[in-house]
Amino acid sequence: MAKYVLVFMGGRRPASEEEGQLVTAAWAEWFESLGDAVVDHGNPFGPSKTVGQNDMIQDGASGATGYAIIRADNFDGAVGYSRLCPHLQAEGTIEIYETFDVM
């Protein structure tokens, strides 16, 4: 099974504490439904910096808001898992990257 990094992009924050509890419950239910496919539940992202050549550093602005790592038989499987993610209900998108073992 391959590993896939799901990078959550954008999305709106819950408007109230009650909505936040519902969102948290939806995420927990989604992760539970993935079972052993979950490698790392991930976390939301805070502020970021971008580092480039010649020590160029600037505030990051990719729009990435969090990540998770899952296992799937193939890319289509990873896409299928992602289609059920609550992040999509918050008007966010998910970028999916297959990872490769190099060592």
C-alpha atoms as a PDB file:
ATOM      1  CA  MET A   1       0.000   0.000   0.000  1.00  0.00           C
ATOM      2  CA  ALA A   2       1.241   3.465  -0.849  1.00  0.00           C
ATOM      3  CA  LYS A   3       1.142   6.448   1.471  1.00  0.00           C
ATOM      4  CA  TYR A   4      -0.559   9.674   0.495  1.00  0.00           C
ATOM      5  CA  VAL A   5      -0.295  13.112   2.057  1.00  0.00           C
ATOM      6  CA  LEU A   6      -3.561  15.018   2.041  1.00  0.00           C
ATOM      7  CA  VAL A   7      -2.911  18.756   2.128  1.00  0.00           C
ATOM      8  CA  PHE A   8      -5.982  20.695   3.139  1.00  0.00           C
ATOM      9  CA  MET A   9      -6.321  24.030   1.362  1.00  0.00           C
ATOM     10  CA  GLY A  10      -8.526  26.917   2.437  1.00  0.00           C
ATOM     11  CA  GLY A  11     -11.867  26.201   4.035  1.00  0.00           C
ATOM     12  CA  ARG A  12     -13.860  28.298   6.422  1.00  0.00           C
ATOM     13  CA  ARG A  13     -13.666  28.172  10.177  1.00  0.00           C
ATOM     14  CA  PRO A  14     -16.689  27.258  12.279  1.00  0.00           C
ATOM     15  CA  ALA A  15     -18.872  30.294  12.997  1.00  0.00           C
ATOM     16  CA  SER A  16     -19.691  29.268  16.568  1.00  0.00           C
ATOM     17  CA  GLU A  17     -18.578  26.962  19.348  1.00  0.00           C
ATOM     18  CA  GLU A  18     -21.532  24.698  18.599  1.00  0.00           C
ATOM     19  CA  GLU A  19     -20.594  24.477  14.918  1.00  0.00           C
ATOM     20  CA  GLY A  20     -16.998  23.795  15.974  1.00  0.00           C
ATOM     21  CA  GLN A  21     -18.149  20.816  18.033  1.00  0.00           C
ATOM     22  CA  LEU A  22     -20.099  19.456  15.066  1.00  0.00           C
ATOM     23  CA  VAL A  23     -17.076  19.904  12.793  1.00  0.00           C
ATOM     24  CA  THR A  24     -14.798  18.162  15.296  1.00  0.00           C
ATOM     25  CA  ALA A  25     -17.259  15.266  15.527  1.00  0.00           C
ATOM     26  CA  ALA A  26     -17.437  15.018  11.719  1.00  0.00           C
ATOM     27  CA  TRP A  27     -13.631  14.842  11.485  1.00  0.00           C
ATOM     28  CA  ALA A  28     -13.491  12.167  14.199  1.00  0.00           C
ATOM     29  CA  GLU A  29     -16.150  10.139  12.384  1.00  0.00           C
ATOM     30  CA  TRP A  30     -14.287  10.463   9.060  1.00  0.00           C
ATOM     31  CA  PHE A  31     -10.978   9.349  10.571  1.00  0.00           C
ATOM     32  CA  GLU A  32     -12.730   6.454  12.304  1.00  0.00           C
ATOM     33  CA  SER A  33     -14.276   5.385   8.986  1.00  0.00           C
ATOM     34  CA  LEU A  34     -10.779   5.218   7.443  1.00  0.00           C
ATOM     35  CA  GLY A  35      -9.639   2.732  10.091  1.00  0.00           C
ATOM     36  CA  ASP A  36      -6.140   1.352   9.492  1.00  0.00           C
ATOM     37  CA  ALA A  37      -5.694   3.557   6.417  1.00  0.00           C
ATOM     38  CA  VAL A  38      -4.805   6.460   8.730  1.00  0.00           C
ATOM     39  CA  VAL A  39      -1.038   6.801   9.160  1.00  0.00           C
ATOM     40  CA  ASP A  40      -1.063  10.260  10.784  1.00  0.00           C
ATOM     41  CA  HIS A  41      -4.185  12.252  11.672  1.00  0.00           C
ATOM     42  CA  GLY A  42      -2.133  15.379  11.016  1.00  0.00           C
ATOM     43  CA  ASN A  43      -2.836  18.817  12.382  1.00  0.00           C
ATOM     44  CA  PRO A  44      -3.974  22.240  11.259  1.00  0.00           C
ATOM     45  CA  PHE A  45      -1.264  24.647  10.127  1.00  0.00           C
ATOM     46  CA  GLY A  46      -0.463  27.971  11.757  1.00  0.00           C
ATOM     47  CA  PRO A  47       1.556  30.806  10.206  1.00  0.00           C
ATOM     48  CA  SER A  48       4.271  29.787   7.743  1.00  0.00           C
ATOM     49  CA  LYS A  49       7.466  31.054   6.161  1.00  0.00           C
ATOM     50  CA  THR A  50       8.894  30.325   2.722  1.00  0.00           C
ATOM     51  CA  VAL A  51      12.660  29.900   2.404  1.00  0.00           C
ATOM     52  CA  GLY A  52      14.417  30.294  -0.931  1.00  0.00           C
ATOM     53  CA  GLN A  53      17.889  30.651  -2.358  1.00  0.00           C
ATOM     54  CA  ASN A  54      20.295  33.141  -0.838  1.00  0.00           C
ATOM     55  CA  ASP A  55      18.453  32.935   2.494  1.00  0.00           C
ATOM     56  CA  MET A  56      15.404  34.672   1.025  1.00  0.00           C
ATOM     57  CA  ILE A  57      12.611  34.311   3.594  1.00  0.00           C
ATOM     58  CA  GLN A  58       9.053  35.550   3.209  1.00  0.00           C
ATOM     59  CA  ASP A  59       5.710  34.926   4.807  1.00  0.00           C
ATOM     60  CA  GLY A  60       4.101  31.826   3.328  1.00  0.00           C
ATOM     61  CA  ALA A  61       0.919  32.182   1.367  1.00  0.00           C
ATOM     62  CA  SER A  62       0.172  28.788  -0.194  1.00  0.00           C
ATOM     63  CA  GLY A  63      -3.244  28.545   1.432  1.00  0.00           C
ATOM     64  CA  ALA A  64      -2.410  25.187   3.046  1.00  0.00           C
ATOM     65  CA  THR A  65      -4.364  24.861   6.291  1.00  0.00           C
ATOM     66  CA  GLY A  66      -3.459  21.342   7.463  1.00  0.00           C
ATOM     67  CA  TYR A  67      -2.514  17.794   6.526  1.00  0.00           C
ATOM     68  CA  ALA A  68      -3.125  14.093   7.137  1.00  0.00           C
ATOM     69  CA  ILE A  69      -1.320  10.995   5.894  1.00  0.00           C
ATOM     70  CA  ILE A  70      -3.213   7.907   4.757  1.00  0.00           C
ATOM     71  CA  ARG A  71      -2.531   4.544   3.102  1.00  0.00           C
ATOM     72  CA  ALA A  72      -4.435   3.398   0.038  1.00  0.00           C
ATOM     73  CA  ASP A  73      -4.048   0.712  -2.610  1.00  0.00           C
ATOM     74  CA  ASN A  74      -3.712   3.360  -5.318  1.00  0.00           C
ATOM     75  CA  PHE A  75      -4.328   7.011  -6.151  1.00  0.00           C
ATOM     76  CA  ASP A  76      -7.997   6.368  -6.902  1.00  0.00           C
ATOM     77  CA  GLY A  77      -8.401   4.885  -3.422  1.00  0.00           C
ATOM     78  CA  ALA A  78      -6.822   7.975  -1.840  1.00  0.00           C
ATOM     79  CA  VAL A  79      -9.140  10.188  -3.885  1.00  0.00           C
ATOM     80  CA  GLY A  80     -12.120   8.104  -2.765  1.00  0.00           C
ATOM     81  CA  TYR A  81     -11.202   8.520   0.903  1.00  0.00           C
ATOM     82  CA  SER A  82     -10.731  12.256   0.368  1.00  0.00           C
ATOM     83  CA  ARG A  83     -14.140  12.724  -1.216  1.00  0.00           C
ATOM     84  CA  LEU A  84     -15.709  11.887   2.153  1.00  0.00           C
ATOM     85  CA  CYS A  85     -13.603  14.377   4.138  1.00  0.00           C
ATOM     86  CA  PRO A  86     -15.470  17.065   6.125  1.00  0.00           C
ATOM     87  CA  HIS A  87     -12.997  19.690   4.883  1.00  0.00           C
ATOM     88  CA  LEU A  88     -14.895  19.746   1.591  1.00  0.00           C
ATOM     89  CA  GLN A  89     -18.089  20.774   3.453  1.00  0.00           C
ATOM     90  CA  ALA A  90     -16.170  23.818   4.724  1.00  0.00           C
ATOM     91  CA  GLU A  91     -15.563  24.926   1.117  1.00  0.00           C
ATOM     92  CA  GLY A  92     -11.955  23.736   1.251  1.00  0.00           C
ATOM     93  CA  THR A  93     -10.059  21.620  -1.232  1.00  0.00           C
ATOM     94  CA  ILE A  94      -7.613  18.751  -0.766  1.00  0.00           C
ATOM     95  CA  GLU A  95      -4.363  18.262  -2.643  1.00  0.00           C
ATOM     96  CA  ILE A  96      -3.240  14.637  -2.649  1.00  0.00           C
ATOM     97  CA  TYR A  97       0.403  13.644  -2.992  1.00  0.00           C
ATOM     98  CA  GLU A  98       1.728  10.101  -3.260  1.00  0.00           C
ATOM     99  CA  THR A  99       4.903   9.607  -1.256  1.00  0.00           C
ATOM    100  CA  PHE A 100       7.844   7.379  -2.166  1.00  0.00           C
ATOM    101  CA  ASP A 101      10.258   5.577   0.117  1.00  0.00           C
ATOM    102  CA  VAL A 102      13.808   6.554  -0.774  1.00  0.00           C
ATOM    103  CA  MET A 103      15.719   4.854   2.041  1.00  0.00           C
END
